[in-house]
Amino acid sequence: MRQTLDLATIFTATTQELRQVLNCDRVVVYRFNPDWSGDFVPESVASGWVSLIEQQQDQPHLRETTTQNERCTVTTKVNS
């Protein structure tokens, strides 16, 4: 991976390795646009799970509403 600067190759390898290390069912990279919409880019998905990359082709609303779902974002509270 060090020999390539191809971002897609790096993300593909990274998602695969992270999924193994974390022992989870899915790792995906979400690329944000300036308006907070975006696209799912390379992902690693366990067998039996639906690929979000494939889903976003048929369901464009996935790109638009991901950040509006409170389960898909991280928020921080400011203590005053």
Protein backbone atom coordinates (compact mmCIF):
# COMPACT_ATOMS: atom_id res chain seq x y z
CA MET A 1 0.00 0.00 0.00
CA ARG A 2 2.91 2.37 0.61
CA GLN A 3 3.84 2.15 -3.04
CA THR A 4 0.56 3.53 -4.30
CA LEU A 5 -1.02 6.92 -3.92
CA ASP A 6 -4.30 5.70 -5.37
CA LEU A 7 -6.87 6.70 -2.77
CA ALA A 8 -9.39 4.01 -3.75
CA THR A 9 -6.77 1.28 -3.27
CA ILE A 10 -5.74 2.71 0.11
CA PHE A 11 -9.36 2.95 1.33
CA THR A 12 -10.21 -0.55 0.11
CA ALA A 13 -7.24 -2.07 1.94
CA THR A 14 -7.90 0.03 5.04
CA THR A 15 -11.56 -0.93 5.35
CA GLN A 16 -10.72 -4.62 4.94
CA GLU A 17 -7.98 -4.50 7.57
CA LEU A 18 -10.05 -2.45 10.02
CA ARG A 19 -12.98 -4.84 9.76
CA GLN A 20 -10.68 -7.73 10.65
CA VAL A 21 -8.99 -5.89 13.51
CA LEU A 22 -12.27 -4.62 14.95
CA ASN A 23 -13.99 -7.95 14.32
CA CYS A 24 -17.09 -6.19 13.03
CA ASP A 25 -19.58 -6.67 10.21
CA ARG A 26 -18.95 -3.46 8.26
CA VAL A 27 -16.41 -0.70 7.83
CA VAL A 28 -17.17 2.04 5.35
CA VAL A 29 -15.66 5.37 4.41
CA TYR A 30 -18.20 8.14 3.83
CA ARG A 31 -16.98 11.06 1.72
CA PHE A 32 -18.68 14.33 2.67
CA ASN A 33 -19.53 17.08 0.18
CA PRO A 34 -19.51 20.74 1.26
CA ASP A 35 -23.32 20.59 1.80
CA TRP A 36 -22.91 17.51 4.09
CA SER A 37 -24.37 15.15 1.54
CA GLY A 38 -21.93 12.54 0.33
CA ASP A 39 -21.20 9.06 -0.91
CA PHE A 40 -20.19 5.76 0.57
CA VAL A 41 -16.79 4.93 -0.90
CA PRO A 42 -14.86 1.69 -0.40
CA GLU A 43 -16.31 -0.56 2.25
CA SER A 44 -15.71 -3.99 3.65
CA VAL A 45 -18.84 -5.98 4.44
CA ALA A 46 -19.23 -9.41 6.07
CA SER A 47 -21.12 -12.06 4.14
CA GLY A 48 -24.87 -11.80 4.56
CA TRP A 49 -24.84 -8.01 4.85
CA VAL A 50 -26.05 -5.62 2.14
CA SER A 51 -23.43 -3.29 0.67
CA LEU A 52 -24.20 0.38 1.27
CA ILE A 53 -22.32 1.22 -1.91
CA GLU A 54 -24.73 -0.95 -3.89
CA GLN A 55 -27.73 0.40 -1.95
CA GLN A 56 -26.84 4.03 -2.68
CA GLN A 57 -27.16 3.32 -6.41
CA ASP A 58 -30.84 2.40 -6.03
CA GLN A 59 -31.63 4.58 -3.02
CA PRO A 60 -30.09 8.03 -3.49
CA HIS A 61 -31.69 9.22 -0.24
CA LEU A 62 -28.96 7.30 1.60
CA ARG A 63 -26.49 9.93 0.43
CA GLU A 64 -28.69 12.79 1.56
CA THR A 65 -29.87 11.69 4.98
CA THR A 66 -26.98 9.86 6.58
CA THR A 67 -25.87 12.85 8.62
CA GLN A 68 -29.46 13.57 9.65
CA ASN A 69 -29.70 10.19 11.40
CA GLU A 70 -28.54 10.65 14.99
CA ARG A 71 -27.31 7.04 15.07
CA CYS A 72 -24.87 7.80 12.23
CA THR A 73 -23.14 10.84 13.68
CA VAL A 74 -21.02 11.65 16.68
CA THR A 75 -21.86 14.68 18.74
CA THR A 76 -20.04 16.26 21.62
CA LYS A 77 -21.48 18.12 24.52
CA VAL A 78 -19.87 21.30 25.71
CA ASN A 79 -19.84 21.57 29.47
CA SER A 80 -20.47 25.08 30.70
